[in-house]
C-alpha cells in the first residue's frame, strides 16, 4: 500500500450496526475509504466483514486517531 493510498484511508469505529449485524461489529475498528460523492449523501465507504467496501450511513461510525505505529499496524493487517 503506497503513501497516497494510506493517506486516503481513515480509521473508524462502528458504534451502531442496526440492520447490518452480519456485515458490521459494534466497537470494531474499520478502514474507510475517501469517497466525496458518498459523503455528500451522508454515507461512508467502509471495508466490512466481507473484505469488500460498501456504503453505510455515516452516523454508524466515529472517526478515530491512533498513534502512527498503531495506525500503520492496523492498516497493514486490514
N, C-alpha and C. Protein backbone atom coordinates (compact mmCIF):
# COMPACT_ATOMS: atom_id res chain seq x y z
N UNK A 1 0.84 -1.16 0.00
CA UNK A 1 0.00 0.00 0.00
C UNK A 1 0.89 1.23 0.00
N UNK A 2 0.71 2.11 -0.96
CA UNK A 2 1.53 3.30 -1.06
C UNK A 2 1.10 4.38 -0.10
N UNK A 3 1.92 5.42 -0.02
CA UNK A 3 1.63 6.52 0.89
C UNK A 3 0.31 7.20 0.54
N UNK A 4 0.02 7.37 -0.73
CA UNK A 4 -1.22 8.00 -1.15
C UNK A 4 -2.42 7.17 -0.71
N UNK A 5 -2.37 5.88 -0.91
CA UNK A 5 -3.48 5.01 -0.52
C UNK A 5 -3.70 5.05 0.98
N UNK A 6 -2.63 5.08 1.75
CA UNK A 6 -2.75 5.13 3.20
C UNK A 6 -3.37 6.45 3.63
N UNK A 7 -2.98 7.55 3.01
CA UNK A 7 -3.49 8.87 3.37
C UNK A 7 -4.98 8.99 3.07
N UNK A 8 -5.50 8.27 2.09
CA UNK A 8 -6.91 8.35 1.72
C UNK A 8 -7.77 7.42 2.56
N UNK A 9 -7.17 6.74 3.50
CA UNK A 9 -7.92 5.82 4.35
C UNK A 9 -7.99 6.38 5.76
N UNK A 10 -9.16 6.27 6.35
CA UNK A 10 -9.41 6.76 7.70
C UNK A 10 -9.82 5.57 8.55
N UNK A 11 -9.39 5.55 9.78
CA UNK A 11 -9.84 4.52 10.69
C UNK A 11 -11.09 5.02 11.40
N UNK A 12 -12.08 4.15 11.48
CA UNK A 12 -13.34 4.48 12.13
C UNK A 12 -13.75 3.32 13.04
N UNK A 13 -14.52 3.63 14.07
CA UNK A 13 -15.04 2.58 14.92
C UNK A 13 -16.56 2.54 14.73
N UNK A 14 -17.08 1.34 14.62
CA UNK A 14 -18.51 1.14 14.43
C UNK A 14 -19.21 1.33 15.78
N UNK A 15 -20.19 2.23 15.84
CA UNK A 15 -20.92 2.46 17.08
C UNK A 15 -22.38 1.97 16.99
N UNK A 16 -22.83 1.71 15.78
CA UNK A 16 -24.19 1.19 15.56
C UNK A 16 -24.12 0.20 14.41
N UNK A 17 -24.89 -0.88 14.50
CA UNK A 17 -24.93 -1.82 13.38
C UNK A 17 -26.34 -2.32 13.08
N UNK A 18 -27.35 -1.59 13.58
CA UNK A 18 -28.73 -2.00 13.37
C UNK A 18 -29.02 -2.14 11.88
N UNK A 19 -29.50 -3.32 11.51
CA UNK A 19 -29.79 -3.61 10.11
C UNK A 19 -28.61 -4.16 9.34
N UNK A 20 -27.42 -4.14 9.97
CA UNK A 20 -26.21 -4.61 9.29
C UNK A 20 -25.38 -5.54 10.20
N UNK A 21 -26.03 -6.25 11.10
CA UNK A 21 -25.31 -7.08 12.07
C UNK A 21 -24.43 -8.14 11.42
N UNK A 22 -24.80 -8.62 10.26
CA UNK A 22 -23.98 -9.63 9.58
C UNK A 22 -22.74 -9.01 8.94
N UNK A 23 -22.77 -7.72 8.68
CA UNK A 23 -21.69 -7.04 7.98
C UNK A 23 -20.77 -6.24 8.88
N UNK A 24 -21.30 -5.78 10.02
CA UNK A 24 -20.54 -4.89 10.90
C UNK A 24 -20.63 -5.33 12.35
N UNK A 25 -19.53 -5.17 13.07
CA UNK A 25 -19.50 -5.47 14.51
C UNK A 25 -19.33 -4.16 15.27
N UNK A 26 -20.20 -3.92 16.25
CA UNK A 26 -20.05 -2.72 17.06
C UNK A 26 -18.73 -2.78 17.83
N UNK A 27 -18.14 -1.61 18.04
CA UNK A 27 -16.88 -1.42 18.76
C UNK A 27 -15.66 -1.95 18.00
N UNK A 28 -15.82 -2.32 16.76
CA UNK A 28 -14.69 -2.80 15.95
C UNK A 28 -14.15 -1.66 15.09
N UNK A 29 -12.83 -1.64 14.90
CA UNK A 29 -12.19 -0.65 14.04
C UNK A 29 -12.27 -1.12 12.59
N UNK A 30 -12.70 -0.20 11.73
CA UNK A 30 -12.77 -0.47 10.29
C UNK A 30 -11.96 0.57 9.54
N UNK A 31 -11.64 0.26 8.31
CA UNK A 31 -10.97 1.21 7.42
C UNK A 31 -12.03 1.79 6.50
N UNK A 32 -12.07 3.12 6.44
CA UNK A 32 -12.97 3.77 5.49
C UNK A 32 -12.12 4.36 4.37
N UNK A 33 -12.71 4.43 3.22
CA UNK A 33 -12.05 4.93 2.01
C UNK A 33 -12.70 6.25 1.61
N UNK A 34 -11.88 7.24 1.32
CA UNK A 34 -12.40 8.55 0.92
C UNK A 34 -13.33 8.41 -0.28
N UNK A 35 -14.51 9.02 -0.18
CA UNK A 35 -15.49 9.00 -1.26
C UNK A 35 -16.34 10.26 -1.11
N UNK A 36 -15.96 11.31 -1.83
CA UNK A 36 -16.64 12.60 -1.71
C UNK A 36 -18.10 12.52 -2.11
N UNK A 37 -18.41 11.76 -3.13
CA UNK A 37 -19.80 11.64 -3.58
C UNK A 37 -20.65 10.99 -2.49
N UNK A 38 -20.14 9.92 -1.87
CA UNK A 38 -20.88 9.26 -0.80
C UNK A 38 -21.06 10.21 0.38
N UNK A 39 -20.01 10.94 0.71
CA UNK A 39 -20.06 11.87 1.84
C UNK A 39 -21.14 12.93 1.63
N UNK A 40 -21.34 13.36 0.41
CA UNK A 40 -22.37 14.36 0.13
C UNK A 40 -23.78 13.82 0.40
N UNK A 41 -23.91 12.50 0.50
CA UNK A 41 -25.18 11.85 0.79
C UNK A 41 -25.21 11.30 2.22
N UNK A 42 -24.26 11.77 3.05
CA UNK A 42 -24.13 11.33 4.46
C UNK A 42 -23.89 9.84 4.57
N UNK A 43 -23.09 9.32 3.64
CA UNK A 43 -22.69 7.92 3.64
C UNK A 43 -21.17 7.85 3.79
N UNK A 44 -20.69 6.69 4.19
CA UNK A 44 -19.26 6.45 4.34
C UNK A 44 -18.94 5.11 3.69
N UNK A 45 -17.83 5.05 2.96
CA UNK A 45 -17.42 3.81 2.31
C UNK A 45 -16.48 3.07 3.26
N UNK A 46 -16.89 1.87 3.67
CA UNK A 46 -16.16 1.10 4.68
C UNK A 46 -15.86 -0.30 4.17
N UNK A 47 -14.68 -0.79 4.47
CA UNK A 47 -14.34 -2.19 4.19
C UNK A 47 -14.91 -2.99 5.35
N UNK A 48 -15.93 -3.80 5.07
CA UNK A 48 -16.65 -4.51 6.14
C UNK A 48 -16.15 -5.94 6.33
N UNK A 49 -16.93 -6.74 7.02
CA UNK A 49 -16.54 -8.11 7.36
C UNK A 49 -16.31 -8.99 6.12
N UNK A 50 -16.93 -8.63 5.00
CA UNK A 50 -16.77 -9.43 3.78
C UNK A 50 -15.41 -9.18 3.13
N UNK A 51 -14.76 -8.07 3.53
CA UNK A 51 -13.48 -7.71 2.92
C UNK A 51 -13.66 -6.77 1.73
N UNK A 52 -14.91 -6.48 1.38
CA UNK A 52 -15.22 -5.56 0.29
C UNK A 52 -15.67 -4.23 0.88
N UNK A 53 -15.65 -3.18 0.07
CA UNK A 53 -16.11 -1.89 0.58
C UNK A 53 -17.55 -1.63 0.15
N UNK A 54 -18.32 -1.12 1.12
CA UNK A 54 -19.72 -0.81 0.90
C UNK A 54 -20.04 0.52 1.54
N UNK A 55 -21.16 1.10 1.14
CA UNK A 55 -21.61 2.36 1.72
C UNK A 55 -22.53 2.09 2.90
N UNK A 56 -22.31 2.86 3.97
CA UNK A 56 -23.13 2.78 5.18
C UNK A 56 -23.42 4.20 5.64
N UNK A 57 -24.48 4.39 6.42
CA UNK A 57 -24.75 5.72 6.97
C UNK A 57 -23.58 6.18 7.86
N UNK A 58 -23.17 7.44 7.70
CA UNK A 58 -22.05 7.98 8.49
C UNK A 58 -22.31 7.88 9.98
N UNK A 59 -23.56 8.01 10.41
CA UNK A 59 -23.88 8.03 11.84
C UNK A 59 -23.57 6.69 12.53
N UNK A 60 -23.24 5.67 11.76
CA UNK A 60 -22.91 4.36 12.34
C UNK A 60 -21.45 4.28 12.77
N UNK A 61 -20.65 5.30 12.43
CA UNK A 61 -19.21 5.27 12.67
C UNK A 61 -18.71 6.56 13.29
N UNK A 62 -17.62 6.44 14.03
CA UNK A 62 -16.93 7.60 14.58
C UNK A 62 -15.48 7.50 14.14
N UNK A 63 -14.93 8.57 13.53
CA UNK A 63 -13.51 8.55 13.14
C UNK A 63 -12.63 8.49 14.39
N UNK A 64 -11.53 7.77 14.29
CA UNK A 64 -10.60 7.69 15.41
C UNK A 64 -9.19 8.03 14.92
N UNK A 65 -8.38 8.45 15.85
CA UNK A 65 -6.99 8.78 15.57
C UNK A 65 -6.11 7.91 16.47
N UNK A 66 -5.17 7.24 15.89
CA UNK A 66 -4.26 6.36 16.64
C UNK A 66 -2.83 6.83 16.43
N UNK A 67 -1.93 6.51 17.37
CA UNK A 67 -0.52 6.82 17.16
C UNK A 67 -0.05 6.17 15.85
N UNK A 68 0.86 6.83 15.14
CA UNK A 68 1.29 6.37 13.82
C UNK A 68 1.71 4.90 13.77
N UNK A 69 2.51 4.37 14.72
CA UNK A 69 2.88 2.95 14.64
C UNK A 69 1.66 2.02 14.75
N UNK A 70 0.68 2.40 15.57
CA UNK A 70 -0.52 1.59 15.71
C UNK A 70 -1.36 1.69 14.45
N UNK A 71 -1.51 2.90 13.92
CA UNK A 71 -2.27 3.10 12.68
C UNK A 71 -1.68 2.27 11.55
N UNK A 72 -0.37 2.31 11.42
CA UNK A 72 0.32 1.54 10.37
C UNK A 72 0.04 0.04 10.55
N UNK A 73 0.11 -0.44 11.79
CA UNK A 73 -0.12 -1.86 12.06
C UNK A 73 -1.56 -2.25 11.70
N UNK A 74 -2.52 -1.41 12.05
CA UNK A 74 -3.92 -1.70 11.74
C UNK A 74 -4.13 -1.71 10.23
N UNK A 75 -3.59 -0.74 9.52
CA UNK A 75 -3.79 -0.65 8.07
C UNK A 75 -3.11 -1.81 7.34
N UNK A 76 -1.96 -2.27 7.80
CA UNK A 76 -1.31 -3.39 7.12
C UNK A 76 -1.95 -4.71 7.45
N UNK A 77 -2.68 -4.78 8.58
CA UNK A 77 -3.38 -6.01 8.94
C UNK A 77 -4.71 -6.12 8.22
N UNK A 78 -5.22 -4.99 7.75
CA UNK A 78 -6.56 -4.98 7.12
C UNK A 78 -6.52 -5.58 5.74
